[in-house]
């Protein structure tokens, strides 16, 4: 099975160690580029630098 090329907001909460509300706030502010899918968002891996985001949160 092929690895997917995006994260869900739920996956980002686990990876970043923050609440879903915090992820959604960052999406709303434009800190995280995301695409709305139904009631949720997905974040393409190519559009996010996890290391930089983790550093910003600390």
N, C-alpha and C. Protein backbone atom coordinates (compact mmCIF):
# COMPACT_ATOMS: atom_id res chain seq x y z
N UNK A 1 0.83 -1.19 0.00
CA UNK A 1 0.00 0.00 0.00
C UNK A 1 0.87 1.26 0.00
N UNK A 2 0.49 2.21 -0.80
CA UNK A 2 1.24 3.45 -0.96
C UNK A 2 0.99 4.40 0.22
N UNK A 3 2.04 5.08 0.64
CA UNK A 3 1.90 6.07 1.71
C UNK A 3 1.18 7.30 1.16
N UNK A 4 0.25 7.83 1.93
CA UNK A 4 -0.49 9.01 1.46
C UNK A 4 0.38 10.26 1.55
N UNK A 5 0.03 11.25 0.77
CA UNK A 5 0.86 12.46 0.69
C UNK A 5 0.26 13.64 1.46
N UNK A 6 -0.56 13.35 2.47
CA UNK A 6 -1.16 14.41 3.28
C UNK A 6 -1.36 13.94 4.71
N UNK A 7 -1.61 14.91 5.60
CA UNK A 7 -1.96 14.64 7.00
C UNK A 7 -3.38 15.13 7.23
N UNK A 8 -4.09 14.47 8.13
CA UNK A 8 -5.38 14.98 8.59
C UNK A 8 -5.11 15.88 9.79
N UNK A 9 -6.10 16.64 10.19
CA UNK A 9 -5.90 17.48 11.38
C UNK A 9 -5.66 16.60 12.61
N UNK A 10 -6.32 15.47 12.67
CA UNK A 10 -6.13 14.55 13.80
C UNK A 10 -4.69 14.05 13.86
N UNK A 11 -4.13 13.71 12.70
CA UNK A 11 -2.73 13.25 12.67
C UNK A 11 -1.78 14.37 13.10
N UNK A 12 -2.07 15.60 12.67
CA UNK A 12 -1.21 16.73 13.05
C UNK A 12 -1.26 16.99 14.55
N UNK A 13 -2.43 16.80 15.17
CA UNK A 13 -2.51 17.00 16.63
C UNK A 13 -1.57 16.05 17.34
N UNK A 14 -1.48 14.81 16.88
CA UNK A 14 -0.58 13.82 17.50
C UNK A 14 0.88 14.15 17.22
N UNK A 15 1.19 14.49 15.98
CA UNK A 15 2.57 14.78 15.59
C UNK A 15 3.10 16.01 16.33
N UNK A 16 2.27 17.06 16.40
CA UNK A 16 2.72 18.33 16.99
C UNK A 16 2.49 18.40 18.50
N UNK A 17 1.66 17.52 19.02
CA UNK A 17 1.40 17.52 20.46
C UNK A 17 0.55 18.70 20.91
N UNK A 18 -0.35 19.15 20.04
CA UNK A 18 -1.25 20.26 20.39
C UNK A 18 -2.69 19.82 20.12
N UNK A 19 -3.64 20.61 20.59
CA UNK A 19 -5.05 20.26 20.43
C UNK A 19 -5.52 20.51 18.99
N UNK A 20 -6.65 19.91 18.66
CA UNK A 20 -7.23 20.12 17.33
C UNK A 20 -7.59 21.59 17.16
N UNK A 21 -8.06 22.22 18.24
CA UNK A 21 -8.41 23.64 18.19
C UNK A 21 -7.19 24.48 17.82
N UNK A 22 -6.02 24.12 18.37
CA UNK A 22 -4.79 24.85 18.05
C UNK A 22 -4.39 24.66 16.59
N UNK A 23 -4.56 23.44 16.09
CA UNK A 23 -4.27 23.19 14.67
C UNK A 23 -5.20 24.03 13.81
N UNK A 24 -6.48 24.05 14.14
CA UNK A 24 -7.46 24.81 13.36
C UNK A 24 -7.18 26.32 13.42
N UNK A 25 -6.73 26.82 14.57
CA UNK A 25 -6.36 28.24 14.68
C UNK A 25 -5.20 28.56 13.75
N UNK A 26 -4.20 27.68 13.74
CA UNK A 26 -3.04 27.91 12.86
C UNK A 26 -3.44 27.86 11.39
N UNK A 27 -4.37 26.99 11.05
CA UNK A 27 -4.88 26.93 9.68
C UNK A 27 -5.60 28.24 9.36
N UNK A 28 -6.44 28.69 10.28
CA UNK A 28 -7.19 29.94 10.09
C UNK A 28 -6.30 31.15 9.92
N UNK A 29 -5.18 31.18 10.65
CA UNK A 29 -4.23 32.29 10.57
C UNK A 29 -3.35 32.21 9.34
N UNK A 30 -3.33 31.04 8.71
CA UNK A 30 -2.48 30.87 7.53
C UNK A 30 -1.11 30.31 7.85
N UNK A 31 -0.87 29.96 9.13
CA UNK A 31 0.42 29.37 9.50
C UNK A 31 0.57 27.96 8.92
N UNK A 32 -0.55 27.29 8.74
CA UNK A 32 -0.57 25.97 8.13
C UNK A 32 -1.46 26.04 6.91
N UNK A 33 -0.90 25.70 5.75
CA UNK A 33 -1.67 25.71 4.51
C UNK A 33 -2.47 24.41 4.45
N UNK A 34 -3.79 24.52 4.34
CA UNK A 34 -4.65 23.34 4.36
C UNK A 34 -5.75 23.46 3.31
N UNK A 35 -6.35 22.32 2.99
CA UNK A 35 -7.45 22.25 2.04
C UNK A 35 -8.66 21.69 2.78
N UNK A 36 -9.78 22.39 2.69
CA UNK A 36 -11.00 21.93 3.36
C UNK A 36 -11.59 20.75 2.60
N UNK A 37 -11.88 19.69 3.33
CA UNK A 37 -12.53 18.51 2.75
C UNK A 37 -13.72 18.17 3.63
N UNK A 38 -14.90 18.52 3.18
CA UNK A 38 -16.09 18.30 4.00
C UNK A 38 -16.03 19.19 5.22
N UNK A 39 -16.08 18.56 6.42
CA UNK A 39 -16.04 19.33 7.66
C UNK A 39 -14.63 19.47 8.22
N UNK A 40 -13.67 18.84 7.60
CA UNK A 40 -12.31 18.82 8.12
C UNK A 40 -11.33 19.38 7.09
N UNK A 41 -10.06 19.32 7.41
CA UNK A 41 -9.00 19.80 6.53
C UNK A 41 -7.97 18.71 6.34
N UNK A 42 -7.26 18.79 5.21
CA UNK A 42 -6.07 17.98 5.02
C UNK A 42 -4.91 18.93 4.71
N UNK A 43 -3.73 18.51 5.10
CA UNK A 43 -2.52 19.30 4.89
C UNK A 43 -1.56 18.45 4.08
N UNK A 44 -1.24 18.91 2.88
CA UNK A 44 -0.33 18.15 2.04
C UNK A 44 1.08 18.22 2.61
N UNK A 45 1.75 17.09 2.63
CA UNK A 45 3.10 17.01 3.20
C UNK A 45 4.06 17.98 2.53
N UNK A 46 3.88 18.20 1.22
CA UNK A 46 4.78 19.10 0.49
C UNK A 46 4.59 20.57 0.93
N UNK A 47 3.45 20.87 1.57
CA UNK A 47 3.15 22.25 1.98
C UNK A 47 3.50 22.56 3.42
N UNK A 48 4.11 21.61 4.13
CA UNK A 48 4.35 21.81 5.56
C UNK A 48 5.77 21.40 5.93
N UNK A 49 6.39 22.19 6.80
CA UNK A 49 7.70 21.87 7.35
C UNK A 49 7.49 21.54 8.82
N UNK A 50 7.38 20.25 9.13
CA UNK A 50 7.07 19.82 10.49
C UNK A 50 8.11 20.28 11.50
N UNK A 51 9.38 20.24 11.13
CA UNK A 51 10.44 20.67 12.06
C UNK A 51 10.30 22.14 12.44
N UNK A 52 10.03 22.98 11.45
CA UNK A 52 9.86 24.42 11.71
C UNK A 52 8.61 24.65 12.55
N UNK A 53 7.54 23.93 12.24
CA UNK A 53 6.29 24.08 12.98
C UNK A 53 6.46 23.64 14.44
N UNK A 54 7.14 22.53 14.64
CA UNK A 54 7.40 22.05 16.02
C UNK A 54 8.23 23.07 16.79
N UNK A 55 9.22 23.66 16.13
CA UNK A 55 10.07 24.66 16.78
C UNK A 55 9.26 25.90 17.15
N UNK A 56 8.33 26.30 16.29
CA UNK A 56 7.48 27.46 16.56
C UNK A 56 6.57 27.22 17.76
N UNK A 57 6.17 25.97 17.96
CA UNK A 57 5.24 25.62 19.04
C UNK A 57 5.97 25.60 20.38
N UNK A 58 7.22 25.17 20.39
CA UNK A 58 7.98 25.05 21.65
C UNK A 58 8.23 26.36 22.32
